[in-house]
């Protein structure tokens, strides 16, 4: 498992702490979440999504595999909480020490 780049680690830590402010701060101003084709761009949209799908469901993310390739990081994590539970793949874009995008697939 590769070392998790700092911007992604900050986002994971924020989710696991249930810290919405830190989660949103991890993204660039034009950052987005792509949750199986549903795209949420910008802080307000990401917060709304997180409130109903992630932090609002007390989600936890336990990485099992991290692969970094330039500005792209893929994390396979076990998701826990009061929503979806099980393995999921997250692909993160990194720009200027922040997350520019988070794409969620199986």
Protein backbone atom coordinates (compact mmCIF):
# COMPACT_ATOMS: atom_id res chain seq x y z
CA UNK A 1 0.00 0.00 0.00
CA UNK A 2 1.39 3.40 -0.99
CA UNK A 3 1.54 6.23 1.50
CA UNK A 4 -1.66 8.25 1.36
CA UNK A 5 -0.95 11.77 -0.01
CA UNK A 6 -1.66 14.51 2.56
CA UNK A 7 -4.71 16.06 0.82
CA UNK A 8 -6.45 12.69 0.63
CA UNK A 9 -5.46 11.79 4.18
CA UNK A 10 -6.95 15.06 5.46
CA UNK A 11 -10.22 14.23 3.67
CA UNK A 12 -10.30 10.68 5.06
CA UNK A 13 -9.53 11.94 8.57
CA UNK A 14 -12.33 14.52 8.30
CA UNK A 15 -14.86 11.87 7.27
CA UNK A 16 -13.81 9.53 10.06
CA UNK A 17 -14.04 12.39 12.60
CA UNK A 18 -17.45 13.44 11.29
CA UNK A 19 -16.02 16.92 10.64
CA UNK A 20 -17.99 18.49 7.79
CA UNK A 21 -15.99 21.75 7.85
CA UNK A 22 -12.66 19.93 7.50
CA UNK A 23 -14.14 17.67 4.81
CA UNK A 24 -15.23 20.67 2.73
CA UNK A 25 -11.91 22.46 3.34
CA UNK A 26 -10.11 19.48 1.81
CA UNK A 27 -11.57 20.34 -1.62
CA UNK A 28 -10.54 23.01 -4.09
CA UNK A 29 -13.13 25.76 -4.63
CA UNK A 30 -14.27 24.04 -7.83
CA UNK A 31 -13.98 20.54 -6.37
CA UNK A 32 -16.56 17.88 -7.05
CA UNK A 33 -17.88 14.53 -5.87
CA UNK A 34 -18.96 12.02 -8.51
CA UNK A 35 -21.02 9.37 -6.71
CA UNK A 36 -21.75 6.75 -9.36
CA UNK A 37 -22.47 9.40 -12.00
CA UNK A 38 -24.29 11.85 -9.72
CA UNK A 39 -21.97 14.87 -9.73
CA UNK A 40 -21.94 17.51 -6.99
CA UNK A 41 -19.73 20.53 -7.67
CA UNK A 42 -18.73 23.24 -5.20
CA UNK A 43 -18.97 23.47 -1.44
CA UNK A 44 -22.74 23.81 -1.09
CA UNK A 45 -23.50 20.87 -3.36
CA UNK A 46 -20.82 18.68 -1.76
CA UNK A 47 -22.13 19.54 1.72
CA UNK A 48 -25.68 18.62 0.72
CA UNK A 49 -24.47 15.30 -0.67
CA UNK A 50 -22.32 14.60 2.40
CA UNK A 51 -25.15 15.48 4.80
CA UNK A 52 -27.36 12.84 3.21
CA UNK A 53 -24.81 10.26 1.99
CA UNK A 54 -21.54 10.43 3.94
CA UNK A 55 -20.91 12.37 7.15
CA UNK A 56 -24.65 12.64 7.78
CA UNK A 57 -24.72 8.82 7.76
CA UNK A 58 -21.78 8.63 10.21
CA UNK A 59 -19.68 6.99 7.49
CA UNK A 60 -16.22 5.70 8.20
CA UNK A 61 -13.58 4.95 5.58
CA UNK A 62 -10.90 2.33 6.33
CA UNK A 63 -8.41 2.17 3.44
CA UNK A 64 -7.17 -1.26 2.45
CA UNK A 65 -5.25 -0.21 -0.68
CA UNK A 66 -3.83 3.15 -1.76
CA UNK A 67 -2.26 3.68 -5.17
CA UNK A 68 -0.85 7.06 -6.18
CA UNK A 69 -0.03 7.95 -9.78
CA UNK A 70 0.94 11.60 -10.17
CA UNK A 71 -2.05 13.76 -9.26
CA UNK A 72 -4.43 10.80 -9.16
CA UNK A 73 -4.91 8.63 -6.07
CA UNK A 74 -7.04 5.50 -5.89
CA UNK A 75 -8.17 4.30 -2.48
CA UNK A 76 -10.00 1.05 -1.93
CA UNK A 77 -11.69 1.35 1.44
CA UNK A 78 -14.16 -0.47 3.60
CA UNK A 79 -17.09 1.85 4.21
CA UNK A 80 -18.97 1.64 7.50
CA UNK A 81 -21.70 3.68 9.14
CA UNK A 82 -25.46 4.04 8.83
CA UNK A 83 -25.58 4.05 5.03
CA UNK A 84 -23.73 1.95 2.49
CA UNK A 85 -21.41 -0.61 4.10
CA UNK A 86 -18.75 -2.58 2.30
CA UNK A 87 -15.83 -2.09 -0.04
CA UNK A 88 -15.75 0.88 -2.38
CA UNK A 89 -13.24 2.46 -4.74
CA UNK A 90 -12.50 6.18 -4.48
CA UNK A 91 -10.41 8.01 -7.05
CA UNK A 92 -9.14 11.42 -6.01
CA UNK A 93 -7.69 14.20 -8.13
CA UNK A 94 -5.19 16.44 -6.35
CA UNK A 95 -4.42 20.04 -7.23
CA UNK A 96 -2.50 22.60 -5.17
CA UNK A 97 -2.46 20.40 -2.03
CA UNK A 98 -6.22 19.94 -2.05
CA UNK A 99 -8.64 17.43 -3.51
CA UNK A 100 -10.02 18.58 -6.85
CA UNK A 101 -12.35 15.62 -7.28
CA UNK A 102 -13.56 12.47 -5.58
CA UNK A 103 -15.09 9.76 -7.78
CA UNK A 104 -16.83 6.82 -6.11
CA UNK A 105 -17.34 3.49 -7.84
CA UNK A 106 -17.98 -0.07 -6.65
